[in-house]
Amino acid sequence: GESAAGAAAAAEVSIAEEGAASVRRLAGMEGRAAALAGGGRCDEALPLARSLQEACGCSPLGQLLAVASLLGAGRLAEAEEEAAAAAAAYPRDDAAALALARCISRRGAP
């Protein structure tokens, strides 16, 4: 009866709170990785970007942050490898394809 409905409602609230906490954690990781990459701190940004990719494998966000960080550090070959992996893993993601195109363009290949 009522106690079962109350327990179900409490469980839904708990799941929602856990989901919100997870989103905040991932957003925080993304923000820190982007700030480090933007600040030229590639070696610090890469592990964070990789952790983000592991935590949120449904999109190439972590890999794209790694690409940006590597490009910012002038590590073009590594950036292109990372972008190619993202484009292969997420073939329908325009951002991954664009990151790969940006890397190829930087090295001057056709």
Foldseek 3Di string as FASTA:
>chain_A
DVVVVVVVVVVVVVVVVVVVVLVVVLVVLLVVLQVCLVVLNLVVNLVSLVVSCVSDVPANSSLLSNLSSCVSNVVLVVSLVSLVVRCVSCVPDPSSVVSNVVSCVVVPHD
